């Protein structure tokens, strides 16, 4: 090699080894061997605004309280309905993950572990693969999103008539 290029072996990668310029190399930091602790949050305080009278606020609070089992601050799943996405036969969408800055990798791992813990996602060996995108929110945290544009291109459109 040269004084500024290095050959790096990467077992388990598609290319067994790759050549890197020294400016692209970063110090290896061993990841912490811990799972994030999950805490149950206190019920959220909802701002009802200033438009309602005291009696209306009390009535609204009673209504929301009576249906408290319907509202949740955490993700979940439903058994009320299911939905199938229909695609042409023998069509598989397989995309490589997008590159992610190191600072966002921990947020991705934590969010994936949290969704796995809640049962929203499960581990899969599916041939289908779509990349994720971490979209920054106003409060500085990230929104975990899937990029399903390629899937949408091949999915059969199914419109539901309005009642």
C-alpha atoms as a PDB file:
ATOM      1  CA  UNK A   1       0.000   0.000   0.000  1.00  0.00           C
ATOM      2  CA  UNK A   2       1.171   3.551   0.498  1.00  0.00           C
ATOM      3  CA  UNK A   3       1.874   5.748   3.499  1.00  0.00           C
ATOM      4  CA  UNK A   4      -1.747   7.030   3.546  1.00  0.00           C
ATOM      5  CA  UNK A   5      -3.675   3.921   2.414  1.00  0.00           C
ATOM      6  CA  UNK A   6      -4.457   0.838   4.481  1.00  0.00           C
ATOM      7  CA  UNK A   7      -5.867  -2.566   3.621  1.00  0.00           C
ATOM      8  CA  UNK A   8      -8.506  -3.468   6.231  1.00  0.00           C
ATOM      9  CA  UNK A   9      -9.813  -7.036   6.645  1.00  0.00           C
ATOM     10  CA  UNK A  10     -13.546  -7.203   7.355  1.00  0.00           C
ATOM     11  CA  UNK A  11     -14.686 -10.741   8.137  1.00  0.00           C
ATOM     12  CA  UNK A  12     -18.347 -11.319   7.423  1.00  0.00           C
ATOM     13  CA  UNK A  13     -18.590  -8.503   4.870  1.00  0.00           C
ATOM     14  CA  UNK A  14     -19.303  -9.090   1.196  1.00  0.00           C
ATOM     15  CA  UNK A  15     -15.806  -7.890   0.317  1.00  0.00           C
ATOM     16  CA  UNK A  16     -13.318  -9.666   2.569  1.00  0.00           C
ATOM     17  CA  UNK A  17     -11.028  -6.661   2.709  1.00  0.00           C
ATOM     18  CA  UNK A  18     -11.078  -3.099   1.514  1.00  0.00           C
ATOM     19  CA  UNK A  19      -8.567  -0.299   0.968  1.00  0.00           C
ATOM     20  CA  UNK A  20      -9.137   2.870   3.001  1.00  0.00           C
ATOM     21  CA  UNK A  21      -7.461   6.258   2.855  1.00  0.00           C
ATOM     22  CA  UNK A  22      -6.189   7.346   6.279  1.00  0.00           C
ATOM     23  CA  UNK A  23      -8.644  10.277   6.394  1.00  0.00           C
ATOM     24  CA  UNK A  24     -11.547   7.805   6.307  1.00  0.00           C
ATOM     25  CA  UNK A  25     -10.344   5.724   9.255  1.00  0.00           C
ATOM     26  CA  UNK A  26     -11.668   6.395  12.739  1.00  0.00           C
ATOM     27  CA  UNK A  27     -10.608   5.116  16.123  1.00  0.00           C
ATOM     28  CA  UNK A  28     -12.490   1.930  17.079  1.00  0.00           C
ATOM     29  CA  UNK A  29     -14.660   2.318  20.156  1.00  0.00           C
ATOM     30  CA  UNK A  30     -16.017  -0.894  21.649  1.00  0.00           C
ATOM     31  CA  UNK A  31     -19.814  -0.576  21.971  1.00  0.00           C
ATOM     32  CA  UNK A  32     -21.266  -0.722  25.455  1.00  0.00           C
ATOM     33  CA  UNK A  33     -22.650  -4.162  26.202  1.00  0.00           C
ATOM     34  CA  UNK A  34     -25.859  -2.858  27.753  1.00  0.00           C
ATOM     35  CA  UNK A  35     -29.480  -2.698  26.756  1.00  0.00           C
ATOM     36  CA  UNK A  36     -31.354   0.526  27.404  1.00  0.00           C
ATOM     37  CA  UNK A  37     -33.522   0.552  30.500  1.00  0.00           C
ATOM     38  CA  UNK A  38     -37.195   0.968  29.746  1.00  0.00           C
ATOM     39  CA  UNK A  39     -39.161   3.085  32.181  1.00  0.00           C
ATOM     40  CA  UNK A  40     -42.906   3.369  32.389  1.00  0.00           C
ATOM     41  CA  UNK A  41     -43.884   6.985  31.908  1.00  0.00           C
ATOM     42  CA  UNK A  42     -46.326   8.856  34.067  1.00  0.00           C
ATOM     43  CA  UNK A  43     -49.625   9.708  32.360  1.00  0.00           C
ATOM     44  CA  UNK A  44     -49.208  12.679  30.062  1.00  0.00           C
ATOM     45  CA  UNK A  45     -50.681  16.012  30.919  1.00  0.00           C
ATOM     46  CA  UNK A  46     -52.682  17.262  27.966  1.00  0.00           C
ATOM     47  CA  UNK A  47     -52.961  20.987  27.332  1.00  0.00           C
ATOM     48  CA  UNK A  48     -56.620  21.668  26.604  1.00  0.00           C
ATOM     49  CA  UNK A  49     -55.968  25.246  25.542  1.00  0.00           C
ATOM     50  CA  UNK A  50     -57.780  28.393  26.588  1.00  0.00           C
ATOM     51  CA  UNK A  51     -60.799  28.161  24.277  1.00  0.00           C
ATOM     52  CA  UNK A  52     -62.810  25.873  26.579  1.00  0.00           C
ATOM     53  CA  UNK A  53     -64.710  26.968  29.641  1.00  0.00           C
ATOM     54  CA  UNK A  54     -64.001  25.316  32.989  1.00  0.00           C
ATOM     55  CA  UNK A  55     -67.128  23.161  32.628  1.00  0.00           C
ATOM     56  CA  UNK A  56     -66.144  22.100  29.097  1.00  0.00           C
ATOM     57  CA  UNK A  57     -62.615  21.215  30.253  1.00  0.00           C
ATOM     58  CA  UNK A  58     -64.021  19.107  33.081  1.00  0.00           C
ATOM     59  CA  UNK A  59     -66.405  17.369  30.670  1.00  0.00           C
ATOM     60  CA  UNK A  60     -63.588  16.696  28.177  1.00  0.00           C
ATOM     61  CA  UNK A  61     -61.291  15.338  30.913  1.00  0.00           C
ATOM     62  CA  UNK A  62     -64.077  12.983  32.051  1.00  0.00           C
ATOM     63  CA  UNK A  63     -64.641  11.811  28.469  1.00  0.00           C
ATOM     64  CA  UNK A  64     -60.939  11.186  27.825  1.00  0.00           C
ATOM     65  CA  UNK A  65     -60.622   9.452  31.199  1.00  0.00           C
ATOM     66  CA  UNK A  66     -63.553   7.142  30.432  1.00  0.00           C
ATOM     67  CA  UNK A  67     -61.800   6.048  27.218  1.00  0.00           C
ATOM     68  CA  UNK A  68     -58.283   5.970  28.690  1.00  0.00           C
ATOM     69  CA  UNK A  69     -57.752   2.398  27.472  1.00  0.00           C
ATOM     70  CA  UNK A  70     -57.945   3.695  23.881  1.00  0.00           C
ATOM     71  CA  UNK A  71     -55.121   6.228  24.294  1.00  0.00           C
ATOM     72  CA  UNK A  72     -51.494   5.260  24.657  1.00  0.00           C
ATOM     73  CA  UNK A  73     -48.179   7.073  24.520  1.00  0.00           C
ATOM     74  CA  UNK A  74     -46.339   3.923  23.508  1.00  0.00           C
ATOM     75  CA  UNK A  75     -46.453   2.026  20.242  1.00  0.00           C
ATOM     76  CA  UNK A  76     -48.511  -1.106  20.035  1.00  0.00           C
ATOM     77  CA  UNK A  77     -50.415  -3.303  17.674  1.00  0.00           C
ATOM     78  CA  UNK A  78     -54.041  -4.021  16.960  1.00  0.00           C
ATOM     79  CA  UNK A  79     -56.054  -7.141  16.365  1.00  0.00           C
ATOM     80  CA  UNK A  80     -59.032  -5.142  15.090  1.00  0.00           C
ATOM     81  CA  UNK A  81     -57.974  -5.396  11.461  1.00  0.00           C
ATOM     82  CA  UNK A  82     -55.207  -6.677   9.250  1.00  0.00           C
ATOM     83  CA  UNK A  83     -53.977  -5.473   5.896  1.00  0.00           C
ATOM     84  CA  UNK A  84     -52.235  -7.218   3.036  1.00  0.00           C
ATOM     85  CA  UNK A  85     -49.991  -5.535   0.486  1.00  0.00           C
ATOM     86  CA  UNK A  86     -50.387  -7.179  -2.917  1.00  0.00           C
ATOM     87  CA  UNK A  87     -47.414  -7.227  -5.280  1.00  0.00           C
ATOM     88  CA  UNK A  88     -46.818  -8.829  -8.669  1.00  0.00           C
ATOM     89  CA  UNK A  89     -45.694 -12.475  -8.380  1.00  0.00           C
ATOM     90  CA  UNK A  90     -41.952 -13.122  -8.172  1.00  0.00           C
ATOM     91  CA  UNK A  91     -41.253  -9.508  -7.203  1.00  0.00           C
ATOM     92  CA  UNK A  92     -38.898  -8.929  -4.297  1.00  0.00           C
ATOM     93  CA  UNK A  93     -37.643  -5.526  -3.217  1.00  0.00           C
ATOM     94  CA  UNK A  94     -34.213  -5.783  -1.641  1.00  0.00           C
ATOM     95  CA  UNK A  95     -32.354  -2.557  -0.858  1.00  0.00           C
ATOM     96  CA  UNK A  96     -29.118  -2.008   1.010  1.00  0.00           C
ATOM     97  CA  UNK A  97     -29.326   0.066   4.198  1.00  0.00           C
ATOM     98  CA  UNK A  98     -28.420   3.728   3.873  1.00  0.00           C
ATOM     99  CA  UNK A  99     -25.166   4.871   5.446  1.00  0.00           C
ATOM    100  CA  UNK A 100     -25.781   6.250   8.908  1.00  0.00           C
ATOM    101  CA  UNK A 101     -23.560   8.654  10.843  1.00  0.00           C
ATOM    102  CA  UNK A 102     -22.033   7.071  13.929  1.00  0.00           C
ATOM    103  CA  UNK A 103     -23.894   9.486  16.218  1.00  0.00           C
ATOM    104  CA  UNK A 104     -27.267   8.173  14.993  1.00  0.00           C
ATOM    105  CA  UNK A 105     -26.423   4.468  15.224  1.00  0.00           C
ATOM    106  CA  UNK A 106     -27.085   4.357  18.948  1.00  0.00           C
ATOM    107  CA  UNK A 107     -30.486   6.033  18.435  1.00  0.00           C
ATOM    108  CA  UNK A 108     -31.327   3.429  15.776  1.00  0.00           C
ATOM    109  CA  UNK A 109     -30.277   0.542  18.018  1.00  0.00           C
ATOM    110  CA  UNK A 110     -32.233   1.903  20.992  1.00  0.00           C
ATOM    111  CA  UNK A 111     -35.373   2.483  18.922  1.00  0.00           C
ATOM    112  CA  UNK A 112     -35.147  -0.982  17.336  1.00  0.00           C
ATOM    113  CA  UNK A 113     -34.681  -2.618  20.760  1.00  0.00           C
ATOM    114  CA  UNK A 114     -37.618  -0.610  22.154  1.00  0.00           C
ATOM    115  CA  UNK A 115     -39.915  -1.662  19.268  1.00  0.00           C
ATOM    116  CA  UNK A 116     -38.737  -5.269  19.634  1.00  0.00           C
ATOM    117  CA  UNK A 117     -39.513  -5.086  23.364  1.00  0.00           C
ATOM    118  CA  UNK A 118     -43.028  -3.734  22.641  1.00  0.00           C
ATOM    119  CA  UNK A 119     -43.699  -6.422  20.038  1.00  0.00           C
ATOM    120  CA  UNK A 120     -44.137  -3.866  17.247  1.00  0.00           C
ATOM    121  CA  UNK A 121     -41.374  -5.509  15.203  1.00  0.00           C
ATOM    122  CA  UNK A 122     -39.867  -8.981  15.189  1.00  0.00           C
ATOM    123  CA  UNK A 123     -36.647 -10.463  13.903  1.00  0.00           C
ATOM    124  CA  UNK A 124     -36.956 -11.720  10.352  1.00  0.00           C
ATOM    125  CA  UNK A 125     -34.985 -13.592   7.706  1.00  0.00           C
ATOM    126  CA  UNK A 126     -37.156 -12.227   4.875  1.00  0.00           C
ATOM    127  CA  UNK A 127     -35.648 -11.649   1.427  1.00  0.00           C
ATOM    128  CA  UNK A 128     -37.424  -8.261   1.446  1.00  0.00           C
ATOM    129  CA  UNK A 129     -35.385  -5.330   2.703  1.00  0.00           C
ATOM    130  CA  UNK A 130     -36.066  -1.598   2.863  1.00  0.00           C
ATOM    131  CA  UNK A 131     -33.739   0.999   4.396  1.00  0.00           C
ATOM    132  CA  UNK A 132     -34.577   3.099   7.412  1.00  0.00           C
ATOM    133  CA  UNK A 133     -34.164   6.837   7.785  1.00  0.00           C
ATOM    134  CA  UNK A 134     -33.754   8.727  11.052  1.00  0.00           C
ATOM    135  CA  UNK A 135     -35.575  12.039  10.632  1.00  0.00           C
ATOM    136  CA  UNK A 136     -34.699  14.755  13.175  1.00  0.00           C
ATOM    137  CA  UNK A 137     -37.592  16.165  15.202  1.00  0.00           C
ATOM    138  CA  UNK A 138     -37.862  19.692  16.599  1.00  0.00           C
ATOM    139  CA  UNK A 139     -36.987  18.506  20.116  1.00  0.00           C
ATOM    140  CA  UNK A 140     -33.639  17.076  18.943  1.00  0.00           C
ATOM    141  CA  UNK A 141     -34.693  13.411  19.004  1.00  0.00           C
ATOM    142  CA  UNK A 142     -35.133  11.299  15.894  1.00  0.00           C
ATOM    143  CA  UNK A 143     -38.148   9.743  14.209  1.00  0.00           C
ATOM    144  CA  UNK A 144     -37.544   6.165  13.014  1.00  0.00           C
ATOM    145  CA  UNK A 145     -38.926   5.875   9.451  1.00  0.00           C
ATOM    146  CA  UNK A 146     -38.892   3.233   6.730  1.00  0.00           C
ATOM    147  CA  UNK A 147     -38.223   4.175   3.118  1.00  0.00           C
ATOM    148  CA  UNK A 148     -40.911   2.187   1.302  1.00  0.00           C
ATOM    149  CA  UNK A 149     -40.779   4.131  -1.984  1.00  0.00           C
ATOM    150  CA  UNK A 150     -39.506   1.126  -3.989  1.00  0.00           C
ATOM    151  CA  UNK A 151     -42.166  -1.105  -2.408  1.00  0.00           C
ATOM    152  CA  UNK A 152     -44.857   1.455  -3.235  1.00  0.00           C
ATOM    153  CA  UNK A 153     -43.737   1.467  -6.893  1.00  0.00           C
ATOM    154  CA  UNK A 154     -44.553  -2.239  -7.329  1.00  0.00           C
ATOM    155  CA  UNK A 155     -47.504  -2.551  -4.934  1.00  0.00           C
ATOM    156  CA  UNK A 156     -50.929  -2.851  -6.485  1.00  0.00           C
ATOM    157  CA  UNK A 157     -53.008   0.228  -5.704  1.00  0.00           C
ATOM    158  CA  UNK A 158     -56.081  -0.533  -3.616  1.00  0.00           C
ATOM    159  CA  UNK A 159     -58.498   2.347  -3.172  1.00  0.00           C
ATOM    160  CA  UNK A 160     -61.255   2.187  -0.638  1.00  0.00           C
ATOM    161  CA  UNK A 161     -64.467   4.066  -1.464  1.00  0.00           C
ATOM    162  CA  UNK A 162     -65.456   6.721   1.039  1.00  0.00           C
ATOM    163  CA  UNK A 163     -68.694   5.871   2.908  1.00  0.00           C
END
